[in-house]
């Protein structure tokens, strides 16, 4: 996948997660807050993993 598309997808997922967190807090619906946290955390984790892989410093045990 092209790097620009990958970064765009991560940013969109992160923004959706942040929007769910904020709207869940504002409306008092805790389910939206939890889903937003999961979405944002998954996006950030994938972004960090991709950056490590791109830099050649991937020391993840699963990539043997």
C-alpha atoms as a PDB file:
ATOM      1  CA  UNK A   1       0.000   0.000   0.000  1.00  0.00           C
ATOM      2  CA  UNK A   2       1.262   3.481  -0.797  1.00  0.00           C
ATOM      3  CA  UNK A   3       2.654   5.357   2.208  1.00  0.00           C
ATOM      4  CA  UNK A   4       0.370   8.363   1.648  1.00  0.00           C
ATOM      5  CA  UNK A   5      -2.734   6.163   1.674  1.00  0.00           C
ATOM      6  CA  UNK A   6      -1.524   4.271   4.750  1.00  0.00           C
ATOM      7  CA  UNK A   7      -0.859   7.471   6.703  1.00  0.00           C
ATOM      8  CA  UNK A   8      -4.233   8.882   5.624  1.00  0.00           C
ATOM      9  CA  UNK A   9      -6.001   5.753   6.864  1.00  0.00           C
ATOM     10  CA  UNK A  10      -4.237   5.947  10.238  1.00  0.00           C
ATOM     11  CA  UNK A  11      -5.099   9.623  10.639  1.00  0.00           C
ATOM     12  CA  UNK A  12      -8.750   9.044   9.688  1.00  0.00           C
ATOM     13  CA  UNK A  13      -9.038   6.149  12.159  1.00  0.00           C
ATOM     14  CA  UNK A  14      -7.411   8.274  14.859  1.00  0.00           C
ATOM     15  CA  UNK A  15      -9.778  11.190  14.199  1.00  0.00           C
ATOM     16  CA  UNK A  16     -12.806   8.885  14.287  1.00  0.00           C
ATOM     17  CA  UNK A  17     -11.583   7.507  17.606  1.00  0.00           C
ATOM     18  CA  UNK A  18     -11.087  10.983  19.060  1.00  0.00           C
ATOM     19  CA  UNK A  19     -14.515  12.076  17.797  1.00  0.00           C
ATOM     20  CA  UNK A  20     -16.122   9.042  19.460  1.00  0.00           C
ATOM     21  CA  UNK A  21     -14.313   9.748  22.718  1.00  0.00           C
ATOM     22  CA  UNK A  22     -15.394  13.396  22.776  1.00  0.00           C
ATOM     23  CA  UNK A  23     -18.977  12.686  21.726  1.00  0.00           C
ATOM     24  CA  UNK A  24     -19.261   9.820  24.204  1.00  0.00           C
ATOM     25  CA  UNK A  25     -18.131  12.058  27.037  1.00  0.00           C
ATOM     26  CA  UNK A  26     -20.372  14.933  25.939  1.00  0.00           C
ATOM     27  CA  UNK A  27     -23.510  12.795  25.633  1.00  0.00           C
ATOM     28  CA  UNK A  28     -22.777  10.503  28.570  1.00  0.00           C
ATOM     29  CA  UNK A  29     -22.743   7.359  26.430  1.00  0.00           C
ATOM     30  CA  UNK A  30     -19.848   5.360  27.755  1.00  0.00           C
ATOM     31  CA  UNK A  31     -19.996   2.766  24.971  1.00  0.00           C
ATOM     32  CA  UNK A  32     -18.952   5.368  22.410  1.00  0.00           C
ATOM     33  CA  UNK A  33     -16.084   6.421  24.660  1.00  0.00           C
ATOM     34  CA  UNK A  34     -14.805   2.851  24.983  1.00  0.00           C
ATOM     35  CA  UNK A  35     -15.074   2.181  21.254  1.00  0.00           C
ATOM     36  CA  UNK A  36     -13.302   5.480  20.554  1.00  0.00           C
ATOM     37  CA  UNK A  37     -10.452   4.521  22.883  1.00  0.00           C
ATOM     38  CA  UNK A  38     -10.071   1.153  21.170  1.00  0.00           C
ATOM     39  CA  UNK A  39     -10.151   2.734  17.713  1.00  0.00           C
ATOM     40  CA  UNK A  40      -7.609   5.422  18.596  1.00  0.00           C
ATOM     41  CA  UNK A  41      -5.305   2.958  20.358  1.00  0.00           C
ATOM     42  CA  UNK A  42      -5.351   0.536  17.433  1.00  0.00           C
ATOM     43  CA  UNK A  43      -4.586   3.334  14.996  1.00  0.00           C
ATOM     44  CA  UNK A  44      -1.680   4.633  17.047  1.00  0.00           C
ATOM     45  CA  UNK A  45      -0.283   1.125  17.533  1.00  0.00           C
ATOM     46  CA  UNK A  46      -0.345   0.421  13.807  1.00  0.00           C
ATOM     47  CA  UNK A  47       1.220   3.801  13.042  1.00  0.00           C
ATOM     48  CA  UNK A  48       4.085   3.151  15.485  1.00  0.00           C
ATOM     49  CA  UNK A  49       4.592  -0.369  14.135  1.00  0.00           C
ATOM     50  CA  UNK A  50       4.662   0.911  10.551  1.00  0.00           C
ATOM     51  CA  UNK A  51       7.159   3.655  11.437  1.00  0.00           C
ATOM     52  CA  UNK A  52       9.467   1.128  13.122  1.00  0.00           C
ATOM     53  CA  UNK A  53       9.213  -1.181  10.132  1.00  0.00           C
ATOM     54  CA  UNK A  54       9.876   1.673   7.718  1.00  0.00           C
ATOM     55  CA  UNK A  55      12.937   2.792   9.688  1.00  0.00           C
ATOM     56  CA  UNK A  56      14.275  -0.753   9.844  1.00  0.00           C
ATOM     57  CA  UNK A  57      14.177  -0.881  13.646  1.00  0.00           C
ATOM     58  CA  UNK A  58      11.378  -3.427  13.981  1.00  0.00           C
ATOM     59  CA  UNK A  59      12.291  -5.503  17.001  1.00  0.00           C
ATOM     60  CA  UNK A  60       8.912  -7.166  17.338  1.00  0.00           C
ATOM     61  CA  UNK A  61       9.143 -10.818  18.379  1.00  0.00           C
ATOM     62  CA  UNK A  62       6.411 -11.892  15.989  1.00  0.00           C
ATOM     63  CA  UNK A  63       8.410 -10.896  12.896  1.00  0.00           C
ATOM     64  CA  UNK A  64      10.978 -13.673  12.938  1.00  0.00           C
END
